[in-house]
Each structure stands twice: as structure tokens, then as C-alpha cells.
Amino acid sequence: MKSNMSLTKPEQGIALLEALVALIVVALGLLGILGLQTRTLADTQTGVRQAQAIRLIENLSERIRLNPNSVSQEVADSYITDWGDATESNCDAGCTPADLAKFDVSSWKTTVKNTLPLSDAKVFYVNDENGVAAGNRRQVGVMISWRENERNQAGTSSADQSSYLKYFHLKSKDAGGGAVSCPSDRSCHLQFIQLATRCVANRSGGASDIRFFCADGGILKLPAAP
């Protein structure tokens, strides 16, 4: 009788140990799945914010396109804005193209701050416009910055965070050669958009003499039909 009991107890202890090992393995597997899901959600969030930044820049591009003469020096200069709040302008009772540009930039930057976390934006003449006479510049750069959760994206170490953020620390230069950089603790998206001018067709000369009078003072004439 004693010999049977002495054999049963060790067998019961081994079964309990196996159950504990299995429980630990399952727990580690669940933690791994949870970590993978968290990383996937964080990557998805980064993609969503990039898409939001692109849509915001497209919104500014449409505002510029609707301005009667965004390429004139006064109007184009009104779109240029540094980090921080832009100069406000009230267009409730009508305004000039330059005032409209200030109003658009101010309201647009408010939209940026309401869309992305701790966000800001900068609009500047691109370096390719260096040496181009004022009033003839046709392209501006737009950089939007926002606060990203680096720990969710890259782990806890500073090296991992720096390695991740280097893909979003964009750099460029303005028309004067000055550096335009993404703030060190932010993620950024940089895009270039065209300034535009509006032209109106004048058909008073008949079908063979159609001229387009543009807001910048230029006159375009359609070539004669062959």
C-alpha cells in the first residue's frame, strides 16, 4: 500500500508542472499577439495621419487655385508663413486677393491644428525659386508637423526612436537658401504646390482673335487655326 502511494505523488507533481509550463507558453503567445496588434494599430495611425496631412495640403492648394491672382508678389507673399499662428484677416465684407490669401492661410492653419495632434505648418518659397524675380515665383513648399507616439512605433530606447523618426525628419531649403527642417520632436510631411493665376477669355475680336487677359497683366492669344 505504501509503495503505491509513493509512486502516485511524484506523478501528480509532474502533471502540475506541465500545466504551469503550458500556461506560461500560452500567456507568452497572447502577449506576443497583443504586441503585434498594438504595433499594427500604431502603424495604421501613422498612415492615417500622413493621409490627413496630404489632404490638408490639397485643401490649401485648392484655396490658392481659387484666388484670382496668387502669383503676384503681394498675394504670393501673403501665403508665406512660418511655424506658429498666421496673421489673421477678416473677409466677411469682401477683401483684396492679398487679404484673401491671409484669411485662407490663417483659417487653414487653424484646421491643421484641429486635425492633427500638436500640429503646426510652414509655407515657404522653394529653393528652386532662388534668383527668380518677385512676382514670377510659381511654387511654394508646405511642411506640416505633428506629434507622434514614438514609443508605440519604435520601442522604448532612444536609439530605436531616433531610427524611426529619421524617416519623418524632413529637410528642405527656402528661396533664400535658409534651412527648412522638421522640428526634432515631430513627424512631418512635405509637399510642393503650384501658384496659379486666373485668365478670362475675350472674344470681342471674333472666333479668329480670342485673347485671354490674366490677372497678372499677361495677355495670351490663341494661335490661328491652320
C-alpha atoms as a PDB file:
ATOM      1  CA  MET A   1       0.000   0.000   0.000  1.00  0.00           C
ATOM      2  CA  LYS A   2       2.789   2.425   0.863  1.00  0.00           C
ATOM      3  CA  SER A   3       4.625   1.668  -2.353  1.00  0.00           C
ATOM      4  CA  ASN A   4       1.581   2.607  -4.449  1.00  0.00           C
ATOM      5  CA  MET A   5       1.218   5.988  -2.692  1.00  0.00           C
ATOM      6  CA  SER A   6       4.895   6.793  -3.150  1.00  0.00           C
ATOM      7  CA  LEU A   7       4.534   6.332  -6.917  1.00  0.00           C
ATOM      8  CA  THR A   8       1.348   8.389  -7.262  1.00  0.00           C
ATOM      9  CA  LYS A   9       2.546  11.630  -5.619  1.00  0.00           C
ATOM     10  CA  PRO A  10       5.511  12.300  -7.952  1.00  0.00           C
ATOM     11  CA  GLU A  11       3.291  11.665 -10.977  1.00  0.00           C
ATOM     12  CA  GLN A  12       0.798  14.262  -9.723  1.00  0.00           C
ATOM     13  CA  GLY A  13       3.601  16.800  -9.206  1.00  0.00           C
ATOM     14  CA  ILE A  14       4.867  16.363 -12.768  1.00  0.00           C
ATOM     15  CA  ALA A  15       1.378  16.885 -14.194  1.00  0.00           C
ATOM     16  CA  LEU A  16       1.039  20.132 -12.251  1.00  0.00           C
ATOM     17  CA  LEU A  17       4.410  21.329 -13.520  1.00  0.00           C
ATOM     18  CA  GLU A  18       3.419  20.546 -17.112  1.00  0.00           C
ATOM     19  CA  ALA A  19       0.204  22.522 -16.661  1.00  0.00           C
ATOM     20  CA  LEU A  20       2.153  25.527 -15.359  1.00  0.00           C
ATOM     21  CA  VAL A  21       4.579  25.369 -18.287  1.00  0.00           C
ATOM     22  CA  ALA A  22       1.683  25.185 -20.751  1.00  0.00           C
ATOM     23  CA  LEU A  23       0.034  28.166 -19.047  1.00  0.00           C
ATOM     24  CA  ILE A  24       3.232  30.209 -19.334  1.00  0.00           C
ATOM     25  CA  VAL A  25       3.616  29.332 -23.030  1.00  0.00           C
ATOM     26  CA  VAL A  26       0.014  30.350 -23.742  1.00  0.00           C
ATOM     27  CA  ALA A  27       0.478  33.617 -21.806  1.00  0.00           C
ATOM     28  CA  LEU A  28       3.630  34.468 -23.768  1.00  0.00           C
ATOM     29  CA  GLY A  29       1.824  33.730 -27.019  1.00  0.00           C
ATOM     30  CA  LEU A  30      -1.065  36.000 -26.069  1.00  0.00           C
ATOM     31  CA  LEU A  31       1.354  38.774 -25.105  1.00  0.00           C
ATOM     32  CA  GLY A  32       3.080  38.417 -28.469  1.00  0.00           C
ATOM     33  CA  ILE A  33      -0.221  38.667 -30.333  1.00  0.00           C
ATOM     34  CA  LEU A  34      -1.207  41.689 -28.250  1.00  0.00           C
ATOM     35  CA  GLY A  35       2.118  43.385 -29.000  1.00  0.00           C
ATOM     36  CA  LEU A  36       1.721  42.687 -32.725  1.00  0.00           C
ATOM     37  CA  GLN A  37      -1.787  44.146 -32.728  1.00  0.00           C
ATOM     38  CA  THR A  38      -0.593  47.228 -30.841  1.00  0.00           C
ATOM     39  CA  ARG A  39       2.218  47.773 -33.352  1.00  0.00           C
ATOM     40  CA  THR A  40      -0.188  47.290 -36.260  1.00  0.00           C
ATOM     41  CA  LEU A  41      -2.614  49.829 -34.810  1.00  0.00           C
ATOM     42  CA  ALA A  42       0.238  52.302 -34.262  1.00  0.00           C
ATOM     43  CA  ASP A  43       1.444  51.877 -37.865  1.00  0.00           C
ATOM     44  CA  THR A  44      -2.114  52.316 -39.102  1.00  0.00           C
ATOM     45  CA  GLN A  45      -2.424  55.516 -37.065  1.00  0.00           C
ATOM     46  CA  THR A  46       0.771  56.852 -38.637  1.00  0.00           C
ATOM     47  CA  GLY A  47      -0.594  56.121 -42.109  1.00  0.00           C
ATOM     48  CA  VAL A  48      -3.865  57.857 -41.277  1.00  0.00           C
ATOM     49  CA  ARG A  49      -2.032  60.975 -40.103  1.00  0.00           C
ATOM     50  CA  GLN A  50       0.089  61.028 -43.248  1.00  0.00           C
ATOM     51  CA  ALA A  51      -3.092  60.836 -45.327  1.00  0.00           C
ATOM     52  CA  GLN A  52      -4.637  63.652 -43.282  1.00  0.00           C
ATOM     53  CA  ALA A  53      -1.558  65.823 -43.880  1.00  0.00           C
ATOM     54  CA  ILE A  54      -1.804  65.196 -47.629  1.00  0.00           C
ATOM     55  CA  ARG A  55      -5.485  66.166 -47.661  1.00  0.00           C
ATOM     56  CA  LEU A  56      -4.731  69.322 -45.688  1.00  0.00           C
ATOM     57  CA  ILE A  57      -2.104  70.403 -48.222  1.00  0.00           C
ATOM     58  CA  GLU A  58      -4.537  69.651 -51.046  1.00  0.00           C
ATOM     59  CA  ASN A  59      -7.039  71.891 -49.263  1.00  0.00           C
ATOM     60  CA  LEU A  60      -4.527  74.764 -49.222  1.00  0.00           C
ATOM     61  CA  SER A  61      -3.733  74.112 -52.879  1.00  0.00           C
ATOM     62  CA  GLU A  62      -7.419  74.477 -53.761  1.00  0.00           C
ATOM     63  CA  ARG A  63      -7.639  77.716 -51.779  1.00  0.00           C
ATOM     64  CA  ILE A  64      -4.662  79.083 -53.720  1.00  0.00           C
ATOM     65  CA  ARG A  65      -6.177  77.949 -57.004  1.00  0.00           C
ATOM     66  CA  LEU A  66      -9.377  79.883 -56.256  1.00  0.00           C
ATOM     67  CA  ASN A  67      -7.522  83.120 -55.528  1.00  0.00           C
ATOM     68  CA  PRO A  68      -7.768  85.425 -58.579  1.00  0.00           C
ATOM     69  CA  ASN A  69      -4.021  86.110 -58.708  1.00  0.00           C
ATOM     70  CA  SER A  70      -1.901  84.045 -56.373  1.00  0.00           C
ATOM     71  CA  VAL A  71       1.299  84.586 -58.396  1.00  0.00           C
ATOM     72  CA  SER A  72       1.519  88.350 -57.875  1.00  0.00           C
ATOM     73  CA  GLN A  73       4.166  89.357 -55.365  1.00  0.00           C
ATOM     74  CA  GLU A  74       1.785  90.803 -52.772  1.00  0.00           C
ATOM     75  CA  VAL A  75      -0.589  87.835 -52.881  1.00  0.00           C
ATOM     76  CA  ALA A  76       2.124  85.163 -53.004  1.00  0.00           C
ATOM     77  CA  ASP A  77       3.961  86.766 -50.081  1.00  0.00           C
ATOM     78  CA  SER A  78       0.716  86.634 -48.083  1.00  0.00           C
ATOM     79  CA  TYR A  79       0.740  82.830 -48.301  1.00  0.00           C
ATOM     80  CA  ILE A  80       4.248  82.578 -46.851  1.00  0.00           C
ATOM     81  CA  THR A  81       4.051  81.773 -43.141  1.00  0.00           C
ATOM     82  CA  ASP A  82       6.443  80.441 -40.523  1.00  0.00           C
ATOM     83  CA  TRP A  83       5.701  77.992 -37.720  1.00  0.00           C
ATOM     84  CA  GLY A  84       3.082  79.363 -35.350  1.00  0.00           C
ATOM     85  CA  ASP A  85      -0.111  81.335 -35.864  1.00  0.00           C
ATOM     86  CA  ALA A  86      -0.576  83.193 -39.150  1.00  0.00           C
ATOM     87  CA  THR A  87      -1.681  86.808 -39.480  1.00  0.00           C
ATOM     88  CA  GLU A  88      -5.468  86.935 -39.308  1.00  0.00           C
ATOM     89  CA  SER A  89      -7.589  88.746 -41.887  1.00  0.00           C
ATOM     90  CA  ASN A  90     -11.345  89.265 -41.970  1.00  0.00           C
ATOM     91  CA  CYS A  91     -13.013  88.812 -45.350  1.00  0.00           C
ATOM     92  CA  ASP A  92     -16.625  88.951 -44.196  1.00  0.00           C
ATOM     93  CA  ALA A  93     -17.278  92.183 -46.118  1.00  0.00           C
ATOM     94  CA  GLY A  94     -15.060  91.468 -49.114  1.00  0.00           C
ATOM     95  CA  CYS A  95     -11.292  91.752 -49.433  1.00  0.00           C
ATOM     96  CA  THR A  96      -8.419  92.015 -51.876  1.00  0.00           C
ATOM     97  CA  PRO A  97      -6.627  88.910 -53.226  1.00  0.00           C
ATOM     98  CA  ALA A  98      -3.825  89.545 -50.699  1.00  0.00           C
ATOM     99  CA  ASP A  99      -6.308  89.782 -47.816  1.00  0.00           C
ATOM    100  CA  LEU A 100      -7.981  86.604 -49.066  1.00  0.00           C
ATOM    101  CA  ALA A 101      -4.595  84.857 -49.012  1.00  0.00           C
ATOM    102  CA  LYS A 102      -4.012  85.900 -45.384  1.00  0.00           C
ATOM    103  CA  PHE A 103      -7.512  84.779 -44.442  1.00  0.00           C
ATOM    104  CA  ASP A 104      -7.062  81.414 -46.179  1.00  0.00           C
ATOM    105  CA  VAL A 105      -3.706  80.716 -44.518  1.00  0.00           C
ATOM    106  CA  SER A 106      -4.981  81.691 -41.073  1.00  0.00           C
ATOM    107  CA  SER A 107      -8.130  79.560 -41.275  1.00  0.00           C
ATOM    108  CA  TRP A 108      -6.183  76.709 -42.891  1.00  0.00           C
ATOM    109  CA  LYS A 109      -3.603  76.616 -40.088  1.00  0.00           C
ATOM    110  CA  THR A 110      -6.466  76.505 -37.578  1.00  0.00           C
ATOM    111  CA  THR A 111      -7.832  73.480 -39.440  1.00  0.00           C
ATOM    112  CA  VAL A 112      -4.387  71.852 -39.321  1.00  0.00           C
ATOM    113  CA  LYS A 113      -4.182  72.286 -35.557  1.00  0.00           C
ATOM    114  CA  ASN A 114      -7.688  70.881 -35.113  1.00  0.00           C
ATOM    115  CA  THR A 115      -6.945  67.837 -37.281  1.00  0.00           C
ATOM    116  CA  LEU A 116      -3.535  66.557 -36.157  1.00  0.00           C
ATOM    117  CA  PRO A 117      -2.164  66.305 -32.581  1.00  0.00           C
ATOM    118  CA  LEU A 118       0.095  69.190 -31.524  1.00  0.00           C
ATOM    119  CA  SER A 119       0.466  70.146 -35.174  1.00  0.00           C
ATOM    120  CA  ASP A 120       1.852  73.171 -36.979  1.00  0.00           C
ATOM    121  CA  ALA A 121       2.604  74.212 -40.565  1.00  0.00           C
ATOM    122  CA  LYS A 122       5.072  76.295 -42.550  1.00  0.00           C
ATOM    123  CA  VAL A 123       4.699  77.669 -46.099  1.00  0.00           C
ATOM    124  CA  PHE A 124       7.812  78.888 -47.950  1.00  0.00           C
ATOM    125  CA  TYR A 125       9.193  79.645 -51.402  1.00  0.00           C
ATOM    126  CA  VAL A 126      11.172  76.638 -52.625  1.00  0.00           C
ATOM    127  CA  ASN A 127      14.906  76.850 -53.220  1.00  0.00           C
ATOM    128  CA  ASP A 128      14.390  76.414 -56.979  1.00  0.00           C
ATOM    129  CA  GLU A 129      12.854  79.906 -56.931  1.00  0.00           C
ATOM    130  CA  ASN A 130      16.169  81.382 -55.767  1.00  0.00           C
ATOM    131  CA  GLY A 131      17.063  84.221 -58.125  1.00  0.00           C
ATOM    132  CA  VAL A 132      13.584  84.365 -59.654  1.00  0.00           C
ATOM    133  CA  ALA A 133      12.175  87.881 -59.654  1.00  0.00           C
ATOM    134  CA  ALA A 134       9.442  88.574 -57.128  1.00  0.00           C
ATOM    135  CA  GLY A 135       6.058  88.203 -58.769  1.00  0.00           C
ATOM    136  CA  ASN A 136       7.314  85.442 -61.072  1.00  0.00           C
ATOM    137  CA  ARG A 137       7.624  82.703 -58.468  1.00  0.00           C
ATOM    138  CA  ARG A 138       5.372  79.769 -59.210  1.00  0.00           C
ATOM    139  CA  GLN A 139       5.998  77.178 -56.482  1.00  0.00           C
ATOM    140  CA  VAL A 140       5.844  77.015 -52.685  1.00  0.00           C
ATOM    141  CA  GLY A 141       6.669  74.271 -50.228  1.00  0.00           C
ATOM    142  CA  VAL A 142       4.312  73.244 -47.435  1.00  0.00           C
ATOM    143  CA  MET A 143       5.557  71.350 -44.386  1.00  0.00           C
ATOM    144  CA  ILE A 144       3.136  70.049 -41.753  1.00  0.00           C
ATOM    145  CA  SER A 145       4.405  68.738 -38.419  1.00  0.00           C
ATOM    146  CA  TRP A 146       2.623  66.782 -35.701  1.00  0.00           C
ATOM    147  CA  ARG A 147       3.400  64.866 -32.540  1.00  0.00           C
ATOM    148  CA  GLU A 148       3.808  61.112 -32.991  1.00  0.00           C
ATOM    149  CA  ASN A 149       3.821  58.440 -30.288  1.00  0.00           C
ATOM    150  CA  GLU A 150       7.392  57.241 -30.811  1.00  0.00           C
ATOM    151  CA  ARG A 151       7.272  54.614 -28.056  1.00  0.00           C
ATOM    152  CA  ASN A 152       4.390  52.808 -29.712  1.00  0.00           C
ATOM    153  CA  GLN A 153       6.205  52.982 -33.011  1.00  0.00           C
ATOM    154  CA  ALA A 154       9.783  52.145 -32.131  1.00  0.00           C
ATOM    155  CA  GLY A 155      10.122  50.688 -28.637  1.00  0.00           C
ATOM    156  CA  THR A 156      11.497  52.324 -25.518  1.00  0.00           C
ATOM    157  CA  SER A 157      15.140  53.021 -26.343  1.00  0.00           C
ATOM    158  CA  SER A 158      16.281  56.421 -27.607  1.00  0.00           C
ATOM    159  CA  ALA A 159      18.236  54.749 -30.410  1.00  0.00           C
ATOM    160  CA  ASP A 160      15.133  52.974 -31.701  1.00  0.00           C
ATOM    161  CA  GLN A 161      13.091  56.167 -31.519  1.00  0.00           C
ATOM    162  CA  SER A 162      15.743  58.135 -33.424  1.00  0.00           C
ATOM    163  CA  SER A 163      15.984  55.382 -36.034  1.00  0.00           C
ATOM    164  CA  TYR A 164      12.221  55.506 -36.572  1.00  0.00           C
ATOM    165  CA  LEU A 165      11.847  59.292 -36.622  1.00  0.00           C
ATOM    166  CA  LYS A 166      14.648  59.869 -39.154  1.00  0.00           C
ATOM    167  CA  TYR A 167      12.217  58.881 -41.906  1.00  0.00           C
ATOM    168  CA  PHE A 168       9.926  61.762 -40.906  1.00  0.00           C
ATOM    169  CA  HIS A 169      12.536  64.446 -40.084  1.00  0.00           C
ATOM    170  CA  LEU A 170      12.357  66.083 -43.496  1.00  0.00           C
ATOM    171  CA  LYS A 171      14.613  68.917 -44.631  1.00  0.00           C
ATOM    172  CA  SER A 172      14.455  71.457 -47.434  1.00  0.00           C
ATOM    173  CA  LYS A 173      15.618  74.991 -48.282  1.00  0.00           C
ATOM    174  CA  ASP A 174      13.718  78.172 -48.988  1.00  0.00           C
ATOM    175  CA  ALA A 175      14.352  80.611 -51.854  1.00  0.00           C
ATOM    176  CA  GLY A 176      16.993  82.410 -49.796  1.00  0.00           C
ATOM    177  CA  GLY A 177      18.903  79.198 -49.081  1.00  0.00           C
ATOM    178  CA  GLY A 178      17.717  79.017 -45.474  1.00  0.00           C
ATOM    179  CA  ALA A 179      17.149  75.583 -43.973  1.00  0.00           C
ATOM    180  CA  VAL A 180      13.589  74.376 -43.528  1.00  0.00           C
ATOM    181  CA  SER A 181      13.608  71.453 -41.110  1.00  0.00           C
ATOM    182  CA  CYS A 182      11.070  69.351 -39.303  1.00  0.00           C
ATOM    183  CA  PRO A 183      11.114  70.063 -35.542  1.00  0.00           C
ATOM    184  CA  SER A 184      13.224  67.496 -33.691  1.00  0.00           C
ATOM    185  CA  ASP A 185      10.328  66.069 -31.657  1.00  0.00           C
ATOM    186  CA  ARG A 186       7.811  65.903 -34.503  1.00  0.00           C
ATOM    187  CA  SER A 187       6.886  63.873 -37.559  1.00  0.00           C
ATOM    188  CA  CYS A 188       6.451  65.835 -40.794  1.00  0.00           C
ATOM    189  CA  HIS A 189       5.078  65.698 -44.311  1.00  0.00           C
ATOM    190  CA  LEU A 190       6.492  67.938 -47.054  1.00  0.00           C
ATOM    191  CA  GLN A 191       4.801  68.699 -50.349  1.00  0.00           C
ATOM    192  CA  PHE A 192       5.191  71.298 -53.115  1.00  0.00           C
ATOM    193  CA  ILE A 193       2.273  73.092 -54.757  1.00  0.00           C
ATOM    194  CA  GLN A 194       1.933  75.493 -57.664  1.00  0.00           C
ATOM    195  CA  LEU A 195       0.775  79.095 -57.522  1.00  0.00           C
ATOM    196  CA  ALA A 196      -1.818  79.956 -60.140  1.00  0.00           C
ATOM    197  CA  THR A 197      -3.333  82.895 -61.925  1.00  0.00           C
ATOM    198  CA  ARG A 198      -6.769  83.254 -63.455  1.00  0.00           C
ATOM    199  CA  CYS A 199      -7.332  84.214 -67.091  1.00  0.00           C
ATOM    200  CA  VAL A 200     -10.552  85.384 -68.764  1.00  0.00           C
ATOM    201  CA  ALA A 201     -11.298  84.916 -72.451  1.00  0.00           C
ATOM    202  CA  ASN A 202     -12.112  87.986 -74.553  1.00  0.00           C
ATOM    203  CA  ARG A 203     -13.971  87.041 -77.735  1.00  0.00           C
ATOM    204  CA  SER A 204     -14.726  90.590 -78.946  1.00  0.00           C
ATOM    205  CA  GLY A 205     -12.351  90.110 -81.873  1.00  0.00           C
ATOM    206  CA  GLY A 206     -14.306  87.147 -83.213  1.00  0.00           C
ATOM    207  CA  ALA A 207     -13.560  83.444 -83.334  1.00  0.00           C
ATOM    208  CA  SER A 208     -10.238  84.079 -85.087  1.00  0.00           C
ATOM    209  CA  ASP A 209      -8.961  86.520 -82.443  1.00  0.00           C
ATOM    210  CA  ILE A 210      -9.586  85.068 -78.976  1.00  0.00           C
ATOM    211  CA  ARG A 211      -7.398  86.601 -76.278  1.00  0.00           C
ATOM    212  CA  PHE A 212      -7.042  85.693 -72.621  1.00  0.00           C
ATOM    213  CA  PHE A 213      -6.450  88.521 -70.157  1.00  0.00           C
ATOM    214  CA  CYS A 214      -4.814  87.223 -66.992  1.00  0.00           C
ATOM    215  CA  ALA A 215      -4.875  88.662 -63.502  1.00  0.00           C
ATOM    216  CA  ASP A 216      -1.114  89.145 -63.563  1.00  0.00           C
ATOM    217  CA  GLY A 217      -1.409  91.513 -66.540  1.00  0.00           C
ATOM    218  CA  GLY A 218      -0.414  88.997 -69.177  1.00  0.00           C
ATOM    219  CA  ILE A 219      -2.290  88.611 -72.463  1.00  0.00           C
ATOM    220  CA  LEU A 220      -2.420  85.278 -74.252  1.00  0.00           C
ATOM    221  CA  LYS A 221      -3.636  84.827 -77.805  1.00  0.00           C
ATOM    222  CA  LEU A 222      -4.757  81.552 -79.306  1.00  0.00           C
ATOM    223  CA  PRO A 223      -2.802  80.586 -82.417  1.00  0.00           C
ATOM    224  CA  ALA A 224      -4.687  80.870 -85.674  1.00  0.00           C
ATOM    225  CA  ALA A 225      -6.319  77.708 -86.914  1.00  0.00           C
ATOM    226  CA  PRO A 226      -4.417  76.035 -89.782  1.00  0.00           C
END
